[in-house]
N, C-alpha and C. Protein backbone atom coordinates (compact mmCIF):
# COMPACT_ATOMS: atom_id res chain seq x y z
N MET A 1 139.11 -15.44 118.50
CA MET A 1 139.89 -16.11 117.84
C MET A 1 139.95 -15.35 116.06
N ARG A 2 138.75 -15.32 115.86
CA ARG A 2 138.36 -14.82 114.21
C ARG A 2 139.13 -13.02 114.14
N ILE A 3 138.96 -12.45 115.08
CA ILE A 3 139.45 -11.02 115.21
C ILE A 3 140.60 -11.17 115.04
N GLY A 4 141.53 -12.02 115.48
CA GLY A 4 142.82 -11.81 115.36
C GLY A 4 143.04 -12.48 113.49
N VAL A 5 142.30 -13.37 113.26
CA VAL A 5 142.50 -14.04 112.03
C VAL A 5 142.42 -13.11 110.64
N SER A 6 140.99 -12.00 110.87
CA SER A 6 140.70 -11.54 110.02
C SER A 6 142.09 -9.79 109.75
N GLY A 7 142.19 -10.14 111.34
CA GLY A 7 143.26 -8.15 111.50
C GLY A 7 144.33 -8.94 110.57
N ALA A 8 144.99 -9.82 110.42
CA ALA A 8 145.88 -10.83 109.95
C ALA A 8 146.03 -10.46 108.68
N ASN A 9 144.63 -11.15 108.00
CA ASN A 9 144.54 -10.70 106.76
C ASN A 9 144.32 -9.43 106.30
N GLY A 10 143.98 -8.28 107.32
CA GLY A 10 144.20 -7.36 107.08
C GLY A 10 145.21 -6.61 106.75
N ASN A 11 146.22 -6.83 107.70
CA ASN A 11 147.71 -6.61 107.72
C ASN A 11 148.41 -6.90 106.68
N LYS A 12 148.26 -8.07 106.10
CA LYS A 12 148.86 -8.29 104.70
C LYS A 12 148.32 -7.74 103.64
N SER A 13 147.02 -7.56 103.59
CA SER A 13 146.55 -7.01 102.50
C SER A 13 146.97 -5.41 102.18
N ALA A 14 147.18 -4.80 103.78
CA ALA A 14 147.62 -3.53 103.51
C ALA A 14 149.29 -3.45 103.24
N ALA A 15 149.77 -4.43 103.80
CA ALA A 15 151.25 -4.71 103.41
C ALA A 15 151.23 -5.03 102.07
N ARG A 16 150.58 -5.36 101.51
CA ARG A 16 150.55 -5.70 99.94
C ARG A 16 150.49 -4.31 98.85
N LYS A 17 149.12 -3.60 99.52
CA LYS A 17 148.88 -2.42 99.22
C LYS A 17 150.35 -1.24 99.00
N TYR A 18 150.53 -1.06 100.14
CA TYR A 18 151.99 -0.41 100.58
C TYR A 18 152.84 -1.04 99.70
N ALA A 19 153.36 -2.34 99.44
CA ALA A 19 154.36 -2.89 98.81
C ALA A 19 154.10 -2.50 97.21
N TYR A 20 152.66 -2.23 96.77
CA TYR A 20 152.20 -2.05 95.18
C TYR A 20 152.53 -0.49 95.29
N TRP A 21 152.30 0.14 96.01
CA TRP A 21 152.03 1.56 95.58
C TRP A 21 153.27 2.22 95.58
N ILE A 22 154.31 1.63 96.68
CA ILE A 22 155.95 1.89 96.81
C ILE A 22 156.78 1.41 95.61
N SER A 23 156.64 0.41 95.50
CA SER A 23 157.17 -0.12 94.23
C SER A 23 156.83 0.56 92.67
N THR A 24 155.72 0.84 92.52
CA THR A 24 155.13 1.26 91.49
C THR A 24 155.38 2.76 91.33
N THR A 25 155.57 3.39 92.22
CA THR A 25 155.99 4.51 92.62
C THR A 25 157.68 4.80 91.97
N LEU A 26 158.40 3.99 92.37
CA LEU A 26 159.80 3.96 92.56
C LEU A 26 159.74 3.55 90.87
N LEU A 27 159.43 2.51 90.27
CA LEU A 27 159.43 2.26 89.04
C LEU A 27 158.88 3.12 88.05
N CYS A 28 157.82 4.05 88.46
CA CYS A 28 157.39 4.93 87.28
C CYS A 28 158.23 6.08 87.75
N LEU A 29 159.09 6.69 88.55
CA LEU A 29 159.86 7.67 88.45
C LEU A 29 161.37 7.30 88.10
N LEU A 30 161.66 6.36 88.39
CA LEU A 30 162.80 5.59 87.58
C LEU A 30 162.58 5.89 85.75
N TYR A 31 161.28 5.39 85.24
CA TYR A 31 160.96 5.58 83.85
C TYR A 31 160.68 7.34 83.49
N LEU A 32 160.38 7.90 84.10
CA LEU A 32 159.94 8.80 83.75
C LEU A 32 161.29 10.01 83.96
N ALA A 33 161.91 9.79 85.12
CA ALA A 33 163.37 10.31 85.20
C ALA A 33 164.29 10.27 84.06
N SER A 34 164.15 8.71 83.48
CA SER A 34 164.98 8.35 82.17
C SER A 34 164.65 8.94 80.85
N ALA A 35 162.99 9.00 81.09
CA ALA A 35 162.72 9.64 79.79
C ALA A 35 163.22 11.58 79.73
N THR A 36 163.19 11.77 80.88
CA THR A 36 163.60 13.40 81.09
C THR A 36 164.83 13.73 80.65
N MET A 37 165.89 13.02 81.33
CA MET A 37 166.77 12.96 80.86
C MET A 37 167.40 12.48 79.45
N TYR A 38 166.44 11.81 78.69
CA TYR A 38 166.72 11.25 77.36
C TYR A 38 166.09 12.56 76.40
N VAL A 39 165.16 13.51 77.01
CA VAL A 39 165.10 14.47 76.26
C VAL A 39 166.14 15.63 76.60
N MET A 40 166.30 16.00 78.05
CA MET A 40 167.16 17.01 78.20
C MET A 40 168.42 16.77 77.75
N LYS A 41 169.48 15.63 77.65
CA LYS A 41 170.69 15.43 77.04
C LYS A 41 170.66 14.54 76.18
N GLY A 42 170.19 14.60 75.28
CA GLY A 42 169.86 13.56 73.95
C GLY A 42 171.10 13.39 73.42
N ASP A 43 171.68 14.09 73.06
CA ASP A 43 173.25 13.63 72.51
C ASP A 43 174.17 12.89 73.16
N MET A 44 173.82 13.66 74.53
CA MET A 44 174.95 12.34 75.74
C MET A 44 174.10 10.85 75.58
N VAL A 45 173.05 10.88 75.50
CA VAL A 45 171.99 9.62 75.72
C VAL A 45 172.34 8.63 74.28
N ARG A 46 172.59 9.65 72.72
CA ARG A 46 172.06 8.98 71.69
C ARG A 46 173.70 8.27 71.46
N GLN A 47 174.95 8.90 72.16
CA GLN A 47 176.44 8.65 72.63
C GLN A 47 176.50 7.39 73.50
N ALA A 48 175.71 7.50 74.46
CA ALA A 48 175.81 6.32 75.45
C ALA A 48 175.15 5.07 74.62
N LEU A 49 174.20 5.25 73.96
CA LEU A 49 173.35 3.73 73.21
C LEU A 49 174.31 3.54 72.53
N GLY A 50 175.26 4.10 71.79
CA GLY A 50 175.87 3.98 70.49
C GLY A 50 177.08 2.80 70.94
N ALA A 51 177.31 3.43 72.63
CA ALA A 51 178.68 2.55 73.08
C ALA A 51 178.20 1.38 73.56
N LEU A 52 176.83 1.53 73.96
CA LEU A 52 176.21 -0.16 73.99
C LEU A 52 175.91 -0.77 72.79
N GLY A 53 175.78 -0.33 71.69
CA GLY A 53 175.47 -1.20 70.54
C GLY A 53 174.48 -1.01 70.30
N TYR A 54 173.60 0.19 70.40
CA TYR A 54 172.09 0.54 69.88
C TYR A 54 172.41 1.91 69.11
N PRO A 55 171.43 1.68 67.98
CA PRO A 55 171.37 2.90 67.32
C PRO A 55 170.65 4.15 67.88
N ALA A 56 171.08 5.70 67.51
CA ALA A 56 170.72 6.54 68.22
C ALA A 56 169.16 6.82 68.01
N TYR A 57 168.59 6.25 66.59
CA TYR A 57 167.26 6.64 66.23
C TYR A 57 166.11 5.81 67.26
N LEU A 58 166.76 5.34 68.11
CA LEU A 58 165.85 4.42 69.30
C LEU A 58 165.40 5.49 70.65
N VAL A 59 166.01 6.40 70.78
CA VAL A 59 165.81 7.70 71.80
C VAL A 59 164.45 8.26 71.31
N PRO A 60 163.84 8.52 70.52
CA PRO A 60 162.87 9.31 70.44
C PRO A 60 161.77 8.54 70.70
N PHE A 61 161.96 6.85 70.14
CA PHE A 61 161.08 5.99 70.48
C PHE A 61 160.81 5.71 71.79
N LEU A 62 162.12 5.50 72.67
CA LEU A 62 162.20 5.24 73.77
C LEU A 62 161.38 6.27 74.71
N ILE A 63 161.53 7.42 74.29
CA ILE A 63 161.03 8.69 75.03
C ILE A 63 159.71 8.29 75.50
N THR A 64 158.96 8.28 74.30
CA THR A 64 157.53 7.88 74.29
C THR A 64 157.04 6.59 74.23
N VAL A 65 157.54 5.17 74.46
CA VAL A 65 157.41 4.24 74.92
C VAL A 65 157.63 4.22 76.66
N LYS A 66 158.81 5.05 77.06
CA LYS A 66 158.75 4.91 78.61
C LYS A 66 157.47 5.86 79.22
N ILE A 67 157.21 6.90 78.56
CA ILE A 67 156.08 7.65 78.97
C ILE A 67 154.51 7.15 78.76
N LEU A 68 154.44 6.48 77.66
CA LEU A 68 153.64 5.49 77.69
C LEU A 68 153.12 4.39 78.48
N GLY A 69 154.42 3.96 78.91
CA GLY A 69 154.11 2.58 79.87
C GLY A 69 153.87 3.06 81.29
N VAL A 70 154.38 4.20 81.82
CA VAL A 70 153.88 4.69 83.05
C VAL A 70 152.72 5.22 83.22
N ALA A 71 151.86 5.61 82.12
CA ALA A 71 150.60 5.84 81.94
C ALA A 71 149.72 4.95 81.62
N ALA A 72 149.86 3.80 81.22
CA ALA A 72 149.40 2.52 81.22
C ALA A 72 149.21 2.05 82.15
N ILE A 73 150.34 2.03 83.20
CA ILE A 73 150.43 1.23 84.53
C ILE A 73 149.72 2.32 85.43
N LEU A 74 149.62 3.41 85.60
CA LEU A 74 149.04 3.97 86.45
C LEU A 74 147.58 4.37 86.26
N SER A 75 147.26 4.25 84.93
CA SER A 75 145.68 5.02 84.94
C SER A 75 145.16 3.52 84.69
N ARG A 76 145.44 2.68 84.44
CA ARG A 76 145.00 1.19 84.47
C ARG A 76 143.61 1.17 83.57
N VAL A 77 143.53 1.82 82.70
CA VAL A 77 142.16 2.04 81.53
C VAL A 77 142.08 0.82 81.23
N ASN A 78 142.83 -0.07 81.13
CA ASN A 78 142.97 -1.50 80.37
C ASN A 78 144.04 -2.30 80.98
N VAL A 79 143.42 -3.11 81.64
CA VAL A 79 144.20 -4.25 82.23
C VAL A 79 145.29 -4.75 81.34
N ALA A 80 144.78 -5.33 80.24
CA ALA A 80 145.77 -5.64 79.14
C ALA A 80 147.06 -5.18 78.62
N LEU A 81 146.37 -3.68 78.85
CA LEU A 81 147.28 -2.88 78.10
C LEU A 81 148.41 -2.56 79.08
N SER A 82 147.90 -2.39 80.30
CA SER A 82 148.88 -2.29 81.65
C SER A 82 149.84 -3.45 81.77
N ASP A 83 149.56 -4.32 81.62
CA ASP A 83 149.81 -5.96 81.71
C ASP A 83 151.54 -6.02 80.85
N LEU A 84 151.00 -5.57 79.51
CA LEU A 84 151.63 -5.25 78.04
C LEU A 84 152.97 -4.31 78.53
N ALA A 85 152.21 -3.10 79.17
CA ALA A 85 153.39 -2.12 79.57
C ALA A 85 154.55 -3.02 80.46
N TYR A 86 153.82 -3.75 81.44
CA TYR A 86 154.98 -4.32 82.35
C TYR A 86 155.78 -5.50 81.85
N ALA A 87 155.22 -5.94 80.91
CA ALA A 87 156.01 -6.65 80.26
C ALA A 87 157.14 -6.18 79.00
N GLY A 88 156.81 -5.13 78.35
CA GLY A 88 158.00 -4.33 77.89
C GLY A 88 158.59 -3.75 78.87
N MET A 89 158.42 -3.17 80.00
CA MET A 89 159.40 -2.60 80.76
C MET A 89 160.71 -3.87 81.60
N SER A 90 159.90 -4.82 81.64
CA SER A 90 160.56 -6.26 81.98
C SER A 90 161.45 -6.51 80.93
N TYR A 91 161.52 -6.33 79.59
CA TYR A 91 162.30 -6.95 78.27
C TYR A 91 163.40 -5.67 78.32
N HIS A 92 162.95 -4.65 78.72
CA HIS A 92 163.62 -3.10 78.75
C HIS A 92 164.91 -3.13 79.31
N LEU A 93 164.61 -3.54 81.11
CA LEU A 93 165.11 -3.70 82.25
C LEU A 93 166.37 -4.82 82.03
N LEU A 94 165.93 -6.27 81.63
CA LEU A 94 166.54 -6.81 80.94
C LEU A 94 167.28 -6.62 80.03
N LEU A 95 167.38 -6.10 78.90
CA LEU A 95 168.04 -5.68 77.90
C LEU A 95 169.25 -4.55 78.27
N ALA A 96 168.49 -3.35 79.12
CA ALA A 96 169.65 -2.76 79.76
C ALA A 96 170.70 -3.38 80.70
N PHE A 97 170.30 -4.14 81.46
CA PHE A 97 171.27 -5.11 82.58
C PHE A 97 172.06 -5.63 81.76
N SER A 98 171.62 -6.52 80.59
CA SER A 98 172.65 -7.17 80.30
C SER A 98 173.35 -6.39 79.04
N ALA A 99 172.61 -5.27 78.88
CA ALA A 99 173.83 -4.42 78.16
C ALA A 99 174.97 -3.62 78.63
N HIS A 100 174.77 -3.39 79.87
CA HIS A 100 175.61 -2.58 80.64
C HIS A 100 176.87 -3.75 81.12
N ILE A 101 176.06 -4.90 81.62
CA ILE A 101 177.31 -6.16 82.13
C ILE A 101 178.00 -6.23 80.80
N ASN A 102 177.43 -6.59 79.69
CA ASN A 102 178.44 -6.05 78.49
C ASN A 102 179.41 -5.36 78.28
N ALA A 103 178.98 -4.14 78.38
CA ALA A 103 180.00 -2.90 78.24
C ALA A 103 181.10 -3.07 79.29
N GLY A 104 180.71 -3.49 80.37
CA GLY A 104 181.33 -3.31 81.74
C GLY A 104 181.52 -1.67 82.03
N ASP A 105 181.13 -1.05 81.70
CA ASP A 105 180.53 0.26 82.34
C ASP A 105 180.26 0.53 83.28
N GLY A 106 179.39 -0.49 84.42
CA GLY A 106 179.07 -0.72 85.64
C GLY A 106 177.36 0.17 85.75
N GLY A 107 177.25 0.59 84.72
CA GLY A 107 175.87 1.63 84.66
C GLY A 107 174.57 0.53 85.09
N PHE A 108 174.65 -0.92 85.43
CA PHE A 108 173.40 -1.54 85.19
C PHE A 108 172.80 -1.51 87.03
N PRO A 109 173.35 -0.76 88.03
CA PRO A 109 172.35 -0.65 89.08
C PRO A 109 170.81 -0.32 88.78
N PRO A 110 170.57 0.76 88.08
CA PRO A 110 169.71 1.40 87.84
C PRO A 110 168.65 0.24 87.44
N ALA A 111 168.84 -0.65 86.67
CA ALA A 111 168.22 -1.82 86.14
C ALA A 111 167.73 -2.91 86.82
N ILE A 112 168.86 -2.92 87.60
CA ILE A 112 168.57 -4.06 88.94
C ILE A 112 167.41 -3.50 90.09
N ILE A 113 167.45 -2.11 90.25
CA ILE A 113 166.61 -1.49 91.13
C ILE A 113 165.19 -1.72 90.22
N GLY A 114 165.14 -1.18 89.16
CA GLY A 114 163.69 -1.58 88.37
C GLY A 114 163.22 -2.57 88.04
N LEU A 115 164.09 -3.69 87.96
CA LEU A 115 163.48 -4.89 87.82
C LEU A 115 163.04 -5.36 89.22
N CYS A 116 163.64 -5.25 90.42
CA CYS A 116 162.97 -5.31 91.61
C CYS A 116 161.78 -4.99 91.87
N ALA A 117 161.85 -3.43 91.69
CA ALA A 117 160.45 -2.90 91.65
C ALA A 117 159.41 -3.72 90.72
N LEU A 118 160.00 -3.33 89.58
CA LEU A 118 158.68 -4.43 88.81
C LEU A 118 158.14 -5.50 88.98
N ILE A 119 159.05 -6.51 89.74
CA ILE A 119 158.42 -7.73 89.97
C ILE A 119 157.48 -7.66 91.08
N VAL A 120 157.73 -7.04 92.31
CA VAL A 120 156.94 -6.14 93.66
C VAL A 120 155.74 -5.64 93.08
N SER A 121 155.45 -4.75 91.96
CA SER A 121 154.77 -3.97 91.62
C SER A 121 154.02 -5.11 91.01
N PHE A 122 154.36 -5.90 90.16
CA PHE A 122 153.32 -6.62 89.24
C PHE A 122 152.74 -7.52 90.14
N LEU A 123 153.23 -8.50 90.83
CA LEU A 123 152.73 -9.25 91.43
C LEU A 123 152.05 -9.06 92.88
N THR A 124 152.16 -7.49 93.67
CA THR A 124 150.92 -6.90 94.13
C THR A 124 149.87 -6.20 93.66
N GLN A 125 150.14 -6.10 92.56
CA GLN A 125 148.70 -5.17 91.73
C GLN A 125 147.46 -5.67 92.10
N ASN A 126 147.14 -6.57 92.25
CA ASN A 126 145.55 -7.15 92.53
C ASN A 126 145.18 -6.91 93.75
N ALA A 127 146.14 -6.87 94.69
CA ALA A 127 145.74 -6.35 96.09
C ALA A 127 145.63 -5.04 96.20
N ALA A 128 146.00 -3.82 95.27
CA ALA A 128 145.74 -2.60 95.82
C ALA A 128 145.00 -1.81 94.44
N ARG A 129 144.93 -2.93 93.37
CA ARG A 129 143.76 -2.08 92.56
C ARG A 129 142.45 -3.04 92.38
N THR A 130 141.58 -2.16 91.68
CA THR A 130 140.11 -2.87 91.63
C THR A 130 139.86 -3.65 90.61
N ARG A 131 140.30 -3.33 89.55
CA ARG A 131 140.41 -4.02 88.02
C ARG A 131 141.83 -5.13 88.20
N SER A 132 141.28 -6.33 88.44
CA SER A 132 142.46 -7.36 88.70
C SER A 132 142.96 -7.96 87.30
N SER A 133 144.54 -8.01 87.22
CA SER A 133 145.21 -8.74 86.60
C SER A 133 145.07 -10.24 86.43
N PRO A 134 144.48 -10.94 85.39
CA PRO A 134 144.76 -12.42 85.56
C PRO A 134 145.99 -13.09 85.43
N TYR A 135 146.98 -12.10 85.48
CA TYR A 135 148.39 -12.69 85.35
C TYR A 135 149.20 -12.65 86.70
N ALA A 136 148.66 -11.46 87.63
CA ALA A 136 149.29 -11.61 89.29
C ALA A 136 149.00 -12.48 89.81
N LEU A 137 149.58 -12.29 91.30
CA LEU A 137 148.84 -13.06 92.09
C LEU A 137 147.30 -12.40 92.79
N GLY A 138 146.97 -13.09 93.32
CA GLY A 138 145.17 -13.14 93.68
C GLY A 138 145.50 -12.35 94.77
């Protein structure tokens, strides 16, 4: 009977690890693709941000923060910094969702996908990483 119980726990643990790495990869790819687009199509992005009510001078800042956020989550050099990156991404994705809804331009699906990936990644991080976050599920 114990073999079945430990096997079930092992399957749950493996499922959490897969969920973490899939969601984290998706989240990081979304942010890296966005930063790349900001670099490659800067004028178009500045115009789009202006249409959403944001100043154009945010573009270089957003490029930097998006890349650093991905680096903080993947490297996990400091757990507090990684958790701060998750918090920053959650605010960014919520603001992006809100801005696209208010603009009525239909550009909100990436924000929803990003939020879902972020939530799964954050909640499952302790199952997949050796350095645990005190804020995520055990």
